[in-house]
């Protein structure tokens, strides 16, 4: 399955990304099927090959949620943006870290009621 994703390039603390089409299971360092353009998050500039993106979407490539939101912002894809959610475990670990630093004891989840 093909996916349209951002591949990080650039130096430390100066991120820059390339929009690429690659196999879903391939490593990020592996060679992509096609490079579709650069994205610089510090200046919010993006120059994408819109015709090629439409081609790959027509062939069946799926964009990641972040890429989908960028394409909606650029006007390549129509529709609403996708809300990117934080994983439940990450959210719970952040809550316990905040409560421990505030001097509170971490809350234990309640036992589920038996049916």
PDB file of N, CA and C in Angstrom:
ATOM      1  N   UNK A   1       0.837  -1.175   0.000  1.00  0.00           N
ATOM      2  CA  UNK A   1       0.000   0.000   0.000  1.00  0.00           C
ATOM      3  C   UNK A   1       0.880   1.235   0.000  1.00  0.00           C
ATOM      4  N   UNK A   2       0.527   2.188  -0.827  1.00  0.00           N
ATOM      5  CA  UNK A   2       1.289   3.430  -0.916  1.00  0.00           C
ATOM      6  C   UNK A   2       0.737   4.466   0.045  1.00  0.00           C
ATOM      7  N   UNK A   3       1.636   5.277   0.568  1.00  0.00           N
ATOM      8  CA  UNK A   3       1.253   6.329   1.502  1.00  0.00           C
ATOM      9  C   UNK A   3       2.019   7.601   1.135  1.00  0.00           C
ATOM     10  N   UNK A   4       1.348   8.734   1.300  1.00  0.00           N
ATOM     11  CA  UNK A   4       2.003  10.025   1.097  1.00  0.00           C
ATOM     12  C   UNK A   4       2.353  10.546   2.484  1.00  0.00           C
ATOM     13  N   UNK A   5       3.645  10.734   2.726  1.00  0.00           N
ATOM     14  CA  UNK A   5       4.106  11.120   4.056  1.00  0.00           C
ATOM     15  C   UNK A   5       5.185  12.177   3.968  1.00  0.00           C
ATOM     16  N   UNK A   6       5.501  12.754   5.127  1.00  0.00           N
ATOM     17  CA  UNK A   6       6.584  13.721   5.221  1.00  0.00           C
ATOM     18  C   UNK A   6       7.858  12.995   5.625  1.00  0.00           C
ATOM     19  N   UNK A   7       8.945  13.284   4.910  1.00  0.00           N
ATOM     20  CA  UNK A   7      10.248  12.720   5.233  1.00  0.00           C
ATOM     21  C   UNK A   7      11.118  13.862   5.731  1.00  0.00           C
ATOM     22  N   UNK A   8      11.646  13.719   6.929  1.00  0.00           N
ATOM     23  CA  UNK A   8      12.432  14.806   7.518  1.00  0.00           C
ATOM     24  C   UNK A   8      13.809  14.875   6.866  1.00  0.00           C
ATOM     25  N   UNK A   9      14.176  16.083   6.498  1.00  0.00           N
ATOM     26  CA  UNK A   9      15.524  16.377   6.018  1.00  0.00           C
ATOM     27  C   UNK A   9      15.963  17.644   6.743  1.00  0.00           C
ATOM     28  N   UNK A  10      17.207  17.985   6.661  1.00  0.00           N
ATOM     29  CA  UNK A  10      17.672  19.202   7.324  1.00  0.00           C
ATOM     30  C   UNK A  10      18.542  18.885   8.519  1.00  0.00           C
ATOM     31  N   UNK A  11      19.022  19.932   9.143  1.00  0.00           N
ATOM     32  CA  UNK A  11      19.950  19.777  10.249  1.00  0.00           C
ATOM     33  C   UNK A  11      19.227  19.728  11.586  1.00  0.00           C
ATOM     34  N   UNK A  12      20.009  19.526  12.645  1.00  0.00           N
ATOM     35  CA  UNK A  12      19.447  19.534  13.994  1.00  0.00           C
ATOM     36  C   UNK A  12      18.814  20.885  14.286  1.00  0.00           C
ATOM     37  N   UNK A  13      17.649  20.856  14.886  1.00  0.00           N
ATOM     38  CA  UNK A  13      16.913  22.051  15.309  1.00  0.00           C
ATOM     39  C   UNK A  13      16.511  22.946  14.135  1.00  0.00           C
ATOM     40  N   UNK A  14      16.687  22.469  12.904  1.00  0.00           N
ATOM     41  CA  UNK A  14      16.246  23.196  11.712  1.00  0.00           C
ATOM     42  C   UNK A  14      15.497  22.231  10.814  1.00  0.00           C
ATOM     43  N   UNK A  15      14.319  21.793  11.223  1.00  0.00           N
ATOM     44  CA  UNK A  15      13.630  20.773  10.441  1.00  0.00           C
ATOM     45  C   UNK A  15      13.131  21.310   9.100  1.00  0.00           C
ATOM     46  N   UNK A  16      13.175  20.450   8.132  1.00  0.00           N
ATOM     47  CA  UNK A  16      12.607  20.700   6.827  1.00  0.00           C
ATOM     48  C   UNK A  16      12.127  19.342   6.341  1.00  0.00           C
ATOM     49  N   UNK A  17      11.082  19.324   5.577  1.00  0.00           N
ATOM     50  CA  UNK A  17      10.484  18.055   5.183  1.00  0.00           C
ATOM     51  C   UNK A  17      10.328  17.980   3.671  1.00  0.00           C
ATOM     52  N   UNK A  18      10.299  16.751   3.154  1.00  0.00           N
ATOM     53  CA  UNK A  18       9.990  16.478   1.765  1.00  0.00           C
ATOM     54  C   UNK A  18       8.709  15.657   1.755  1.00  0.00           C
ATOM     55  N   UNK A  19       7.785  16.013   0.892  1.00  0.00           N
ATOM     56  CA  UNK A  19       6.565  15.240   0.723  1.00  0.00           C
ATOM     57  C   UNK A  19       6.877  14.130  -0.266  1.00  0.00           C
ATOM     58  N   UNK A  20       6.759  12.874   0.166  1.00  0.00           N
ATOM     59  CA  UNK A  20       7.136  11.744  -0.678  1.00  0.00           C
ATOM     60  C   UNK A  20       6.025  10.706  -0.721  1.00  0.00           C
ATOM     61  N   UNK A  21       6.055   9.899  -1.761  1.00  0.00           N
ATOM     62  CA  UNK A  21       5.179   8.743  -1.892  1.00  0.00           C
ATOM     63  C   UNK A  21       6.059   7.526  -1.660  1.00  0.00           C
ATOM     64  N   UNK A  22       5.682   6.665  -0.723  1.00  0.00           N
ATOM     65  CA  UNK A  22       6.485   5.492  -0.393  1.00  0.00           C
ATOM     66  C   UNK A  22       5.574   4.352   0.031  1.00  0.00           C
ATOM     67  N   UNK A  23       6.128   3.172   0.095  1.00  0.00           N
ATOM     68  CA  UNK A  23       5.401   2.032   0.628  1.00  0.00           C
ATOM     69  C   UNK A  23       5.155   2.261   2.110  1.00  0.00           C
ATOM     70  N   UNK A  24       4.012   1.834   2.603  1.00  0.00           N
ATOM     71  CA  UNK A  24       3.644   2.074   3.998  1.00  0.00           C
ATOM     72  C   UNK A  24       4.614   1.410   4.964  1.00  0.00           C
ATOM     73  N   UNK A  25       5.093   0.233   4.632  1.00  0.00           N
ATOM     74  CA  UNK A  25       5.961  -0.506   5.539  1.00  0.00           C
ATOM     75  C   UNK A  25       7.441  -0.206   5.343  1.00  0.00           C
ATOM     76  N   UNK A  26       7.787   0.662   4.409  1.00  0.00           N
ATOM     77  CA  UNK A  26       9.197   0.962   4.176  1.00  0.00           C
ATOM     78  C   UNK A  26       9.720   1.902   5.257  1.00  0.00           C
ATOM     79  N   UNK A  27      11.015   1.862   5.468  1.00  0.00           N
ATOM     80  CA  UNK A  27      11.636   2.734   6.451  1.00  0.00           C
ATOM     81  C   UNK A  27      11.656   4.151   5.908  1.00  0.00           C
ATOM     82  N   UNK A  28      11.715   5.124   6.815  1.00  0.00           N
ATOM     83  CA  UNK A  28      11.732   6.519   6.389  1.00  0.00           C
ATOM     84  C   UNK A  28      13.016   6.856   5.639  1.00  0.00           C
ATOM     85  N   UNK A  29      14.109   6.145   5.906  1.00  0.00           N
ATOM     86  CA  UNK A  29      15.363   6.408   5.226  1.00  0.00           C
ATOM     87  C   UNK A  29      15.459   5.738   3.873  1.00  0.00           C
ATOM     88  N   UNK A  30      14.505   4.874   3.549  1.00  0.00           N
ATOM     89  CA  UNK A  30      14.533   4.154   2.286  1.00  0.00           C
ATOM     90  C   UNK A  30      14.167   5.042   1.115  1.00  0.00           C
ATOM     91  N   UNK A  31      14.419   4.569  -0.083  1.00  0.00           N
ATOM     92  CA  UNK A  31      14.111   5.396  -1.251  1.00  0.00           C
ATOM     93  C   UNK A  31      12.605   5.482  -1.498  1.00  0.00           C
ATOM     94  N   UNK A  32      12.072   6.693  -1.677  1.00  0.00           N
ATOM     95  CA  UNK A  32      10.643   6.846  -1.939  1.00  0.00           C
ATOM     96  C   UNK A  32      10.328   6.562  -3.406  1.00  0.00           C
ATOM     97  N   UNK A  33       9.059   6.328  -3.700  1.00  0.00           N
ATOM     98  CA  UNK A  33       8.631   6.126  -5.078  1.00  0.00           C
ATOM     99  C   UNK A  33       8.728   7.432  -5.856  1.00  0.00           C
ATOM    100  N   UNK A  34       8.355   8.545  -5.217  1.00  0.00           N
ATOM    101  CA  UNK A  34       8.442   9.847  -5.874  1.00  0.00           C
ATOM    102  C   UNK A  34       8.496  10.958  -4.835  1.00  0.00           C
ATOM    103  N   UNK A  35       9.232  12.016  -5.168  1.00  0.00           N
ATOM    104  CA  UNK A  35       9.331  13.208  -4.332  1.00  0.00           C
ATOM    105  C   UNK A  35       8.350  14.239  -4.878  1.00  0.00           C
ATOM    106  N   UNK A  36       7.471  14.756  -4.004  1.00  0.00           N
ATOM    107  CA  UNK A  36       6.409  15.656  -4.452  1.00  0.00           C
ATOM    108  C   UNK A  36       6.623  17.116  -4.076  1.00  0.00           C
ATOM    109  N   UNK A  37       7.685  17.436  -3.341  1.00  0.00           N
ATOM    110  CA  UNK A  37       7.963  18.830  -3.031  1.00  0.00           C
ATOM    111  C   UNK A  37       8.375  19.059  -1.598  1.00  0.00           C
ATOM    112  N   UNK A  38       8.914  20.254  -1.311  1.00  0.00           N
ATOM    113  CA  UNK A  38       9.391  20.571   0.043  1.00  0.00           C
ATOM    114  C   UNK A  38       8.334  21.258   0.902  1.00  0.00           C
ATOM    115  N   UNK A  39       8.523  21.141   2.228  1.00  0.00           N
ATOM    116  CA  UNK A  39       7.704  21.845   3.217  1.00  0.00           C
ATOM    117  C   UNK A  39       8.624  22.330   4.320  1.00  0.00           C
ATOM    118  N   UNK A  40       8.572  23.617   4.617  1.00  0.00           N
ATOM    119  CA  UNK A  40       9.378  24.200   5.677  1.00  0.00           C
ATOM    120  C   UNK A  40       8.440  24.662   6.786  1.00  0.00           C
ATOM    121  N   UNK A  41       8.410  23.971   7.950  1.00  0.00           N
ATOM    122  CA  UNK A  41       7.468  24.334   9.006  1.00  0.00           C
ATOM    123  C   UNK A  41       7.800  25.643   9.711  1.00  0.00           C
ATOM    124  N   UNK A  42       9.047  26.087   9.680  1.00  0.00           N
ATOM    125  CA  UNK A  42       9.384  27.339  10.370  1.00  0.00           C
ATOM    126  C   UNK A  42       8.840  28.550   9.622  1.00  0.00           C
ATOM    127  N   UNK A  43       8.802  28.488   8.291  1.00  0.00           N
ATOM    128  CA  UNK A  43       8.248  29.595   7.504  1.00  0.00           C
ATOM    129  C   UNK A  43       6.870  29.267   6.946  1.00  0.00           C
ATOM    130  N   UNK A  44       6.402  28.046   7.172  1.00  0.00           N
ATOM    131  CA  UNK A  44       5.096  27.573   6.704  1.00  0.00           C
ATOM    132  C   UNK A  44       4.970  27.622   5.177  1.00  0.00           C
ATOM    133  N   UNK A  45       6.085  27.462   4.472  1.00  0.00           N
ATOM    134  CA  UNK A  45       6.041  27.462   3.017  1.00  0.00           C
ATOM    135  C   UNK A  45       6.027  26.037   2.500  1.00  0.00           C
ATOM    136  N   UNK A  46       5.214  25.814   1.488  1.00  0.00           N
ATOM    137  CA  UNK A  46       5.108  24.494   0.875  1.00  0.00           C
ATOM    138  C   UNK A  46       4.955  24.668  -0.624  1.00  0.00           C
ATOM    139  N   UNK A  47       5.713  23.902  -1.374  1.00  0.00           N
ATOM    140  CA  UNK A  47       5.636  23.919  -2.830  1.00  0.00           C
ATOM    141  C   UNK A  47       5.453  22.481  -3.274  1.00  0.00           C
ATOM    142  N   UNK A  48       4.210  22.108  -3.532  1.00  0.00           N
ATOM    143  CA  UNK A  48       3.911  20.731  -3.893  1.00  0.00           C
ATOM    144  C   UNK A  48       3.545  20.628  -5.367  1.00  0.00           C
ATOM    145  N   UNK A  49       3.848  19.470  -5.963  1.00  0.00           N
ATOM    146  CA  UNK A  49       3.440  19.176  -7.333  1.00  0.00           C
ATOM    147  C   UNK A  49       1.991  18.686  -7.272  1.00  0.00           C
ATOM    148  N   UNK A  50       1.048  19.604  -7.459  1.00  0.00           N
ATOM    149  CA  UNK A  50      -0.360  19.303  -7.231  1.00  0.00           C
ATOM    150  C   UNK A  50      -0.901  18.245  -8.195  1.00  0.00           C
ATOM    151  N   UNK A  51      -0.480  18.279  -9.449  1.00  0.00           N
ATOM    152  CA  UNK A  51      -0.962  17.289 -10.415  1.00  0.00           C
ATOM    153  C   UNK A  51      -0.509  15.882 -10.034  1.00  0.00           C
ATOM    154  N   UNK A  52       0.743  15.752  -9.595  1.00  0.00           N
ATOM    155  CA  UNK A  52       1.265  14.444  -9.203  1.00  0.00           C
ATOM    156  C   UNK A  52       0.584  13.944  -7.920  1.00  0.00           C
ATOM    157  N   UNK A  53       0.272  14.862  -7.005  1.00  0.00           N
ATOM    158  CA  UNK A  53      -0.434  14.464  -5.784  1.00  0.00           C
ATOM    159  C   UNK A  53      -1.810  13.938  -6.141  1.00  0.00           C
ATOM    160  N   UNK A  54      -2.515  14.629  -7.033  1.00  0.00           N
ATOM    161  CA  UNK A  54      -3.840  14.153  -7.464  1.00  0.00           C
ATOM    162  C   UNK A  54      -3.724  12.799  -8.154  1.00  0.00           C
ATOM    163  N   UNK A  55      -2.667  12.601  -8.938  1.00  0.00           N
ATOM    164  CA  UNK A  55      -2.462  11.316  -9.600  1.00  0.00           C
ATOM    165  C   UNK A  55      -2.303  10.201  -8.571  1.00  0.00           C
ATOM    166  N   UNK A  56      -1.420  10.411  -7.585  1.00  0.00           N
ATOM    167  CA  UNK A  56      -1.166   9.379  -6.592  1.00  0.00           C
ATOM    168  C   UNK A  56      -2.407   9.111  -5.737  1.00  0.00           C
ATOM    169  N   UNK A  57      -3.171  10.138  -5.427  1.00  0.00           N
ATOM    170  CA  UNK A  57      -4.419   9.930  -4.681  1.00  0.00           C
ATOM    171  C   UNK A  57      -5.411   9.131  -5.528  1.00  0.00           C
ATOM    172  N   UNK A  58      -5.435   9.383  -6.836  1.00  0.00           N
ATOM    173  CA  UNK A  58      -6.314   8.640  -7.734  1.00  0.00           C
ATOM    174  C   UNK A  58      -5.910   7.182  -7.878  1.00  0.00           C
ATOM    175  N   UNK A  59      -4.626   6.919  -7.774  1.00  0.00           N
ATOM    176  CA  UNK A  59      -4.118   5.548  -7.866  1.00  0.00           C
ATOM    177  C   UNK A  59      -4.418   4.773  -6.584  1.00  0.00           C
ATOM    178  N   UNK A  60      -4.603   5.482  -5.468  1.00  0.00           N
ATOM    179  CA  UNK A  60      -4.950   4.803  -4.221  1.00  0.00           C
ATOM    180  C   UNK A  60      -4.012   5.075  -3.066  1.00  0.00           C
ATOM    181  N   UNK A  61      -3.071   6.002  -3.219  1.00  0.00           N
ATOM    182  CA  UNK A  61      -2.176   6.341  -2.111  1.00  0.00           C
ATOM    183  C   UNK A  61      -2.960   7.094  -1.049  1.00  0.00           C
ATOM    184  N   UNK A  62      -2.709   6.774   0.207  1.00  0.00           N
ATOM    185  CA  UNK A  62      -3.398   7.410   1.336  1.00  0.00           C
ATOM    186  C   UNK A  62      -2.461   8.394   2.015  1.00  0.00           C
ATOM    187  N   UNK A  63      -2.889   9.641   2.224  1.00  0.00           N
ATOM    188  CA  UNK A  63      -2.042  10.594   2.956  1.00  0.00           C
ATOM    189  C   UNK A  63      -2.155  10.374   4.459  1.00  0.00           C
ATOM    190  N   UNK A  64      -1.085  10.681   5.173  1.00  0.00           N
ATOM    191  CA  UNK A  64      -1.143  10.654   6.630  1.00  0.00           C
ATOM    192  C   UNK A  64      -2.020  11.818   7.079  1.00  0.00           C
ATOM    193  N   UNK A  65      -2.513  11.818   8.311  1.00  0.00           N
ATOM    194  CA  UNK A  65      -3.368  12.933   8.761  1.00  0.00           C
ATOM    195  C   UNK A  65      -2.701  14.304   8.643  1.00  0.00           C
ATOM    196  N   UNK A  66      -1.423  14.396   8.967  1.00  0.00           N
ATOM    197  CA  UNK A  66      -0.726  15.674   8.865  1.00  0.00           C
ATOM    198  C   UNK A  66      -0.629  16.120   7.415  1.00  0.00           C
ATOM    199  N   UNK A  67      -0.304  15.191   6.525  1.00  0.00           N
ATOM    200  CA  UNK A  67      -0.211  15.519   5.105  1.00  0.00           C
ATOM    201  C   UNK A  67      -1.588  15.908   4.568  1.00  0.00           C
ATOM    202  N   UNK A  68      -2.625  15.202   4.990  1.00  0.00           N
ATOM    203  CA  UNK A  68      -3.983  15.541   4.556  1.00  0.00           C
ATOM    204  C   UNK A  68      -4.315  16.982   4.940  1.00  0.00           C
ATOM    205  N   UNK A  69      -3.982  17.364   6.171  1.00  0.00           N
ATOM    206  CA  UNK A  69      -4.255  18.730   6.629  1.00  0.00           C
ATOM    207  C   UNK A  69      -3.456  19.755   5.826  1.00  0.00           C
ATOM    208  N   UNK A  70      -2.215  19.431   5.477  1.00  0.00           N
ATOM    209  CA  UNK A  70      -1.419  20.333   4.649  1.00  0.00           C
ATOM    210  C   UNK A  70      -2.030  20.472   3.252  1.00  0.00           C
ATOM    211  N   UNK A  71      -2.507  19.363   2.703  1.00  0.00           N
ATOM    212  CA  UNK A  71      -3.101  19.404   1.364  1.00  0.00           C
ATOM    213  C   UNK A  71      -4.416  20.169   1.361  1.00  0.00           C
ATOM    214  N   UNK A  72      -5.188  20.070   2.430  1.00  0.00           N
ATOM    215  CA  UNK A  72      -6.422  20.857   2.545  1.00  0.00           C
ATOM    216  C   UNK A  72      -6.069  22.342   2.619  1.00  0.00           C
ATOM    217  N   UNK A  73      -5.040  22.675   3.390  1.00  0.00           N
ATOM    218  CA  UNK A  73      -4.614  24.061   3.525  1.00  0.00           C
ATOM    219  C   UNK A  73      -4.117  24.631   2.197  1.00  0.00           C
ATOM    220  N   UNK A  74      -3.431  23.805   1.404  1.00  0.00           N
ATOM    221  CA  UNK A  74      -2.910  24.232   0.103  1.00  0.00           C
ATOM    222  C   UNK A  74      -3.992  24.266  -0.972  1.00  0.00           C
ATOM    223  N   UNK A  75      -5.129  23.627  -0.710  1.00  0.00           N
ATOM    224  CA  UNK A  75      -6.213  23.608  -1.683  1.00  0.00           C
ATOM    225  C   UNK A  75      -6.130  22.468  -2.679  1.00  0.00           C
ATOM    226  N   UNK A  76      -5.275  21.498  -2.431  1.00  0.00           N
ATOM    227  CA  UNK A  76      -5.146  20.346  -3.324  1.00  0.00           C
ATOM    228  C   UNK A  76      -6.295  19.380  -3.103  1.00  0.00           C
ATOM    229  N   UNK A  77      -6.680  19.194  -1.842  1.00  0.00           N
ATOM    230  CA  UNK A  77      -7.759  18.281  -1.468  1.00  0.00           C
ATOM    231  C   UNK A  77      -8.875  19.112  -0.842  1.00  0.00           C
ATOM    232  N   UNK A  78     -10.100  18.796  -1.196  1.00  0.00           N
ATOM    233  CA  UNK A  78     -11.215  19.497  -0.562  1.00  0.00           C
ATOM    234  C   UNK A  78     -11.758  18.651   0.576  1.00  0.00           C
ATOM    235  N   UNK A  79     -12.357  19.301   1.542  1.00  0.00           N
ATOM    236  CA  UNK A  79     -12.924  18.596   2.680  1.00  0.00           C
ATOM    237  C   UNK A  79     -12.399  19.159   3.980  1.00  0.00           C
ATOM    238  N   UNK A  80     -12.892  18.619   5.082  1.00  0.00           N
ATOM    239  CA  UNK A  80     -12.460  19.130   6.389  1.00  0.00           C
ATOM    240  C   UNK A  80     -11.095  18.576   6.780  1.00  0.00           C
ATOM    241  N   UNK A  81     -10.439  19.284   7.686  1.00  0.00           N
ATOM    242  CA  UNK A  81      -9.176  18.796   8.223  1.00  0.00           C
ATOM    243  C   UNK A  81      -9.453  17.639   9.178  1.00  0.00           C
ATOM    244  N   UNK A  82      -8.460  16.792   9.350  1.00  0.00           N
ATOM    245  CA  UNK A  82      -8.565  15.648  10.248  1.00  0.00           C
ATOM    246  C   UNK A  82      -7.995  16.061  11.602  1.00  0.00           C
ATOM    247  N   UNK A  83      -8.742  15.783  12.654  1.00  0.00           N
ATOM    248  CA  UNK A  83      -8.252  16.078  13.993  1.00  0.00           C
ATOM    249  C   UNK A  83      -7.251  15.001  14.370  1.00  0.00           C
ATOM    250  N   UNK A  84      -6.052  15.416  14.711  1.00  0.00           N
ATOM    251  CA  UNK A  84      -4.991  14.482  15.071  1.00  0.00           C
ATOM    252  C   UNK A  84      -5.050  14.300  16.573  1.00  0.00           C
ATOM    253  N   UNK A  85      -5.329  13.072  17.005  1.00  0.00           N
ATOM    254  CA  UNK A  85      -5.503  12.819  18.433  1.00  0.00           C
ATOM    255  C   UNK A  85      -4.229  12.266  19.047  1.00  0.00           C
ATOM    256  N   UNK A  86      -4.069  12.535  20.323  1.00  0.00           N
ATOM    257  CA  UNK A  86      -2.949  12.001  21.080  1.00  0.00           C
ATOM    258  C   UNK A  86      -3.341  10.608  21.545  1.00  0.00           C
ATOM    259  N   UNK A  87      -2.397   9.695  21.499  1.00  0.00           N
ATOM    260  CA  UNK A  87      -2.691   8.341  21.945  1.00  0.00           C
ATOM    261  C   UNK A  87      -3.035   8.343  23.430  1.00  0.00           C
ATOM    262  N   UNK A  88      -3.890   7.429  23.824  1.00  0.00           N
ATOM    263  CA  UNK A  88      -4.396   7.390  25.188  1.00  0.00           C
ATOM    264  C   UNK A  88      -3.276   7.180  26.199  1.00  0.00           C
ATOM    265  N   UNK A  89      -2.314   6.304  25.900  1.00  0.00           N
ATOM    266  CA  UNK A  89      -1.234   6.039  26.841  1.00  0.00           C
ATOM    267  C   UNK A  89      -0.372   7.281  27.041  1.00  0.00           C
ATOM    268  N   UNK A  90      -0.077   8.006  25.954  1.00  0.00           N
ATOM    269  CA  UNK A  90       0.710   9.223  26.079  1.00  0.00           C
ATOM    270  C   UNK A  90      -0.022  10.251  26.929  1.00  0.00           C
ATOM    271  N   UNK A  91      -1.331  10.366  26.745  1.00  0.00           N
ATOM    272  CA  UNK A  91      -2.127  11.322  27.506  1.00  0.00           C
ATOM    273  C   UNK A  91      -2.126  10.958  28.991  1.00  0.00           C
ATOM    274  N   UNK A  92      -2.272   9.666  29.300  1.00  0.00           N
ATOM    275  CA  UNK A  92      -2.279   9.233  30.696  1.00  0.00           C
ATOM    276  C   UNK A  92      -0.928   9.474  31.350  1.00  0.00           C
ATOM    277  N   UNK A  93       0.165   9.206  30.618  1.00  0.00           N
ATOM    278  CA  UNK A  93       1.483   9.416  31.203  1.00  0.00           C
ATOM    279  C   UNK A  93       1.737  10.901  31.461  1.00  0.00           C
ATOM    280  N   UNK A  94       1.230  11.766  30.596  1.00  0.00           N
ATOM    281  CA  UNK A  94       1.381  13.205  30.814  1.00  0.00           C
ATOM    282  C   UNK A  94       0.587  13.649  32.034  1.00  0.00           C
ATOM    283  N   UNK A  95      -0.625  13.099  32.217  1.00  0.00           N
ATOM    284  CA  UNK A  95      -1.453  13.473  33.362  1.00  0.00           C
ATOM    285  C   UNK A  95      -0.804  13.044  34.665  1.00  0.00           C
ATOM    286  N   UNK A  96      -0.246  11.843  34.719  1.00  0.00           N
ATOM    287  CA  UNK A  96       0.391  11.382  35.951  1.00  0.00           C
ATOM    288  C   UNK A  96       1.652  12.179  36.229  1.00  0.00           C
ATOM    289  N   UNK A  97       2.391  12.562  35.195  1.00  0.00           N
ATOM    290  CA  UNK A  97       3.598  13.364  35.403  1.00  0.00           C
ATOM    291  C   UNK A  97       3.243  14.732  35.954  1.00  0.00           C
ATOM    292  N   UNK A  98       2.166  15.314  35.474  1.00  0.00           N
ATOM    293  CA  UNK A  98       1.727  16.621  35.967  1.00  0.00           C
ATOM    294  C   UNK A  98       1.248  16.511  37.403  1.00  0.00           C
ATOM    295  N   UNK A  99       0.492  15.466  37.723  1.00  0.00           N
ATOM    296  CA  UNK A  99      -0.029  15.338  39.081  1.00  0.00           C
ATOM    297  C   UNK A  99       1.082  15.031  40.079  1.00  0.00           C
ATOM    298  N   UNK A 100       2.096  14.264  39.671  1.00  0.00           N
ATOM    299  CA  UNK A 100       3.215  13.971  40.564  1.00  0.00           C
ATOM    300  C   UNK A 100       4.028  15.236  40.799  1.00  0.00           C
ATOM    301  N   UNK A 101       4.240  16.029  39.753  1.00  0.00           N
ATOM    302  CA  UNK A 101       5.010  17.262  39.932  1.00  0.00           C
ATOM    303  C   UNK A 101       4.241  18.295  40.750  1.00  0.00           C
ATOM    304  N   UNK A 102       2.907  18.219  40.757  1.00  0.00           N
ATOM    305  CA  UNK A 102       2.097  19.151  41.537  1.00  0.00           C
ATOM    306  C   UNK A 102       1.948  18.687  42.980  1.00  0.00           C
ATOM    307  N   UNK A 103       2.468  17.512  43.314  1.00  0.00           N
ATOM    308  CA  UNK A 103       2.400  17.018  44.683  1.00  0.00           C
ATOM    309  C   UNK A 103       1.200  16.147  44.954  1.00  0.00           C
ATOM    310  N   UNK A 104       0.444  15.825  43.938  1.00  0.00           N
ATOM    311  CA  UNK A 104      -0.717  14.967  44.114  1.00  0.00           C
ATOM    312  C   UNK A 104      -0.317  13.523  43.861  1.00  0.00           C
ATOM    313  N   UNK A 105      -1.033  12.613  44.481  1.00  0.00           N
ATOM    314  CA  UNK A 105      -0.793  11.199  44.225  1.00  0.00           C
ATOM    315  C   UNK A 105      -1.447  10.831  42.897  1.00  0.00           C
ATOM    316  N   UNK A 106      -0.786   9.995  42.082  1.00  0.00           N
ATOM    317  CA  UNK A 106      -1.396   9.613  40.809  1.00  0.00           C
ATOM    318  C   UNK A 106      -2.693   8.839  41.028  1.00  0.00           C
ATOM    319  N   UNK A 107      -3.681   9.163  40.238  1.00  0.00           N
ATOM    320  CA  UNK A 107      -4.976   8.510  40.359  1.00  0.00           C
ATOM    321  C   UNK A 107      -4.932   7.122  39.748  1.00  0.00           C
ATOM    322  N   UNK A 108      -5.567   6.178  40.431  1.00  0.00           N
ATOM    323  CA  UNK A 108      -5.648   4.831  39.880  1.00  0.00           C
ATOM    324  C   UNK A 108      -7.004   4.692  39.239  1.00  0.00           C
ATOM    325  N   UNK A 109      -7.071   4.030  38.067  1.00  0.00           N
ATOM    326  CA  UNK A 109      -8.375   3.881  37.424  1.00  0.00           C
ATOM    327  C   UNK A 109      -9.296   3.003  38.251  1.00  0.00           C
ATOM    328  N   UNK A 110     -10.569   3.328  38.233  1.00  0.00           N
ATOM    329  CA  UNK A 110     -11.573   2.569  38.992  1.00  0.00           C
ATOM    330  C   UNK A 110     -11.798   1.220  38.338  1.00  0.00           C
ATOM    331  N   UNK A 111     -12.163   0.249  39.139  1.00  0.00           N
ATOM    332  CA  UNK A 111     -12.440  -1.088  38.627  1.00  0.00           C
ATOM    333  C   UNK A 111     -13.738  -1.050  37.827  1.00  0.00           C
ATOM    334  N   UNK A 112     -13.775  -1.726  36.670  1.00  0.00           N
ATOM    335  CA  UNK A 112     -15.017  -1.728  35.897  1.00  0.00           C
ATOM    336  C   UNK A 112     -16.096  -2.520  36.620  1.00  0.00           C
ATOM    337  N   UNK A 113     -17.327  -2.079  36.471  1.00  0.00           N
ATOM    338  CA  UNK A 113     -18.444  -2.740  37.128  1.00  0.00           C
ATOM    339  C   UNK A 113     -18.740  -4.066  36.433  1.00  0.00           C
ATOM    340  N   UNK A 114     -19.056  -5.076  37.209  1.00  0.00           N
ATOM    341  CA  UNK A 114     -19.388  -6.383  36.670  1.00  0.00           C
ATOM    342  C   UNK A 114     -20.835  -6.361  36.146  1.00  0.00           C
ATOM    343  N   UNK A 115     -21.028  -6.962  34.993  1.00  0.00           N
ATOM    344  CA  UNK A 115     -22.373  -7.003  34.415  1.00  0.00           C
ATOM    345  C   UNK A 115     -23.142  -8.189  34.863  1.00  0.00           C
TER     346      UNK A 115
END
